[in-house]
PDB file of N, CA and C in Angstrom:
ATOM      1  N   MET A   1      59.222 -25.805 -93.266  1.00  0.00           N
ATOM      2  CA  MET A   1      59.855 -25.333 -92.022  1.00  0.00           C
ATOM      3  C   MET A   1      59.364 -23.607 -92.166  1.00  0.00           C
ATOM      4  N   LYS A   2      60.357 -23.141 -93.125  1.00  0.00           N
ATOM      5  CA  LYS A   2      60.237 -21.598 -93.225  1.00  0.00           C
ATOM      6  C   LYS A   2      58.709 -21.048 -93.468  1.00  0.00           C
ATOM      7  N   ILE A   3      57.963 -22.005 -94.326  1.00  0.00           N
ATOM      8  CA  ILE A   3      56.416 -21.385 -94.636  1.00  0.00           C
ATOM      9  C   ILE A   3      55.724 -21.566 -93.094  1.00  0.00           C
ATOM     10  N   GLU A   4      55.974 -22.543 -92.402  1.00  0.00           N
ATOM     11  CA  GLU A   4      55.264 -22.453 -91.080  1.00  0.00           C
ATOM     12  C   GLU A   4      55.549 -21.470 -90.281  1.00  0.00           C
ATOM     13  N   LYS A   5      56.920 -21.301 -89.950  1.00  0.00           N
ATOM     14  CA  LYS A   5      57.410 -20.206 -89.444  1.00  0.00           C
ATOM     15  C   LYS A   5      56.581 -18.886 -89.781  1.00  0.00           C
ATOM     16  N   ASN A   6      56.602 -18.418 -91.051  1.00  0.00           N
ATOM     17  CA  ASN A   6      56.141 -17.258 -91.573  1.00  0.00           C
ATOM     18  C   ASN A   6      54.543 -17.221 -91.059  1.00  0.00           C
ATOM     19  N   VAL A   7      53.984 -18.297 -91.214  1.00  0.00           N
ATOM     20  CA  VAL A   7      52.426 -18.300 -90.711  1.00  0.00           C
ATOM     21  C   VAL A   7      52.322 -17.952 -89.246  1.00  0.00           C
ATOM     22  N   SER A   8      53.417 -18.994 -88.615  1.00  0.00           N
ATOM     23  CA  SER A   8      53.119 -18.352 -87.113  1.00  0.00           C
ATOM     24  C   SER A   8      53.534 -16.863 -86.848  1.00  0.00           C
ATOM     25  N   SER A   9      54.274 -16.375 -87.695  1.00  0.00           N
ATOM     26  CA  SER A   9      55.030 -14.917 -87.533  1.00  0.00           C
ATOM     27  C   SER A   9      53.666 -14.292 -87.907  1.00  0.00           C
ATOM     28  N   ILE A  10      52.950 -14.134 -88.914  1.00  0.00           N
ATOM     29  CA  ILE A  10      51.936 -13.440 -89.340  1.00  0.00           C
ATOM     30  C   ILE A  10      50.507 -13.555 -88.742  1.00  0.00           C
ATOM     31  N   THR A  11      50.289 -14.757 -87.982  1.00  0.00           N
ATOM     32  CA  THR A  11      49.199 -15.016 -87.033  1.00  0.00           C
ATOM     33  C   THR A  11      49.702 -14.321 -85.694  1.00  0.00           C
ATOM     34  N   LEU A  12      50.804 -14.121 -85.100  1.00  0.00           N
ATOM     35  CA  LEU A  12      51.253 -13.424 -84.044  1.00  0.00           C
ATOM     36  C   LEU A  12      51.183 -12.059 -84.332  1.00  0.00           C
ATOM     37  N   ILE A  13      51.407 -11.405 -85.472  1.00  0.00           N
ATOM     38  CA  ILE A  13      51.448 -10.184 -85.359  1.00  0.00           C
ATOM     39  C   ILE A  13      49.946  -9.852 -85.577  1.00  0.00           C
ATOM     40  N   GLY A  14      49.273 -10.522 -86.682  1.00  0.00           N
ATOM     41  CA  GLY A  14      47.871 -10.445 -86.497  1.00  0.00           C
ATOM     42  C   GLY A  14      47.023 -10.312 -85.234  1.00  0.00           C
ATOM     43  N   PHE A  15      47.605 -11.084 -84.175  1.00  0.00           N
ATOM     44  CA  PHE A  15      46.957 -11.297 -83.011  1.00  0.00           C
ATOM     45  C   PHE A  15      47.227  -9.867 -82.104  1.00  0.00           C
ATOM     46  N   LEU A  16      48.222  -9.567 -82.323  1.00  0.00           N
ATOM     47  CA  LEU A  16      48.873  -8.556 -81.498  1.00  0.00           C
ATOM     48  C   LEU A  16      48.333  -7.418 -82.212  1.00  0.00           C
ATOM     49  N   LYS A  17      48.123  -7.048 -83.311  1.00  0.00           N
ATOM     50  CA  LYS A  17      47.372  -5.932 -83.863  1.00  0.00           C
ATOM     51  C   LYS A  17      46.060  -5.858 -83.363  1.00  0.00           C
ATOM     52  N   SER A  18      45.469  -7.015 -83.239  1.00  0.00           N
ATOM     53  CA  SER A  18      43.971  -7.108 -82.776  1.00  0.00           C
ATOM     54  C   SER A  18      43.996  -6.675 -81.501  1.00  0.00           C
ATOM     55  N   VAL A  19      44.799  -6.783 -80.636  1.00  0.00           N
ATOM     56  CA  VAL A  19      44.817  -6.818 -79.255  1.00  0.00           C
ATOM     57  C   VAL A  19      45.047  -5.081 -79.164  1.00  0.00           C
ATOM     58  N   VAL A  20      45.945  -4.586 -79.774  1.00  0.00           N
ATOM     59  CA  VAL A  20      46.401  -3.377 -79.918  1.00  0.00           C
ATOM     60  C   VAL A  20      45.105  -2.471 -80.289  1.00  0.00           C
ATOM     61  N   ASN A  21      44.437  -2.909 -81.363  1.00  0.00           N
ATOM     62  CA  ASN A  21      43.057  -2.129 -81.866  1.00  0.00           C
ATOM     63  C   ASN A  21      41.944  -2.225 -80.570  1.00  0.00           C
ATOM     64  N   CYS A  22      41.993  -3.294 -79.904  1.00  0.00           N
ATOM     65  CA  CYS A  22      41.003  -3.147 -78.594  1.00  0.00           C
ATOM     66  C   CYS A  22      41.483  -2.263 -77.786  1.00  0.00           C
ATOM     67  N   CYS A  23      42.406  -2.181 -77.731  1.00  0.00           N
ATOM     68  CA  CYS A  23      42.965  -1.228 -76.274  1.00  0.00           C
ATOM     69  C   CYS A  23      42.947   0.213 -76.944  1.00  0.00           C
ATOM     70  N   ALA A  24      43.168   0.344 -78.090  1.00  0.00           N
ATOM     71  CA  ALA A  24      42.912   1.820 -78.754  1.00  0.00           C
ATOM     72  C   ALA A  24      41.580   2.458 -78.362  1.00  0.00           C
ATOM     73  N   GLN A  25      40.668   1.383 -78.850  1.00  0.00           N
ATOM     74  CA  GLN A  25      39.255   1.854 -78.623  1.00  0.00           C
ATOM     75  C   GLN A  25      38.837   1.892 -77.131  1.00  0.00           C
TER      76      GLN A  25
END
């Protein structure tokens, strides 16, 4: 359960970072 939550968090953070990078450009 903890591992799944961590993976979800990493995926969510990565997604947010991608969106921020797109907006920054």
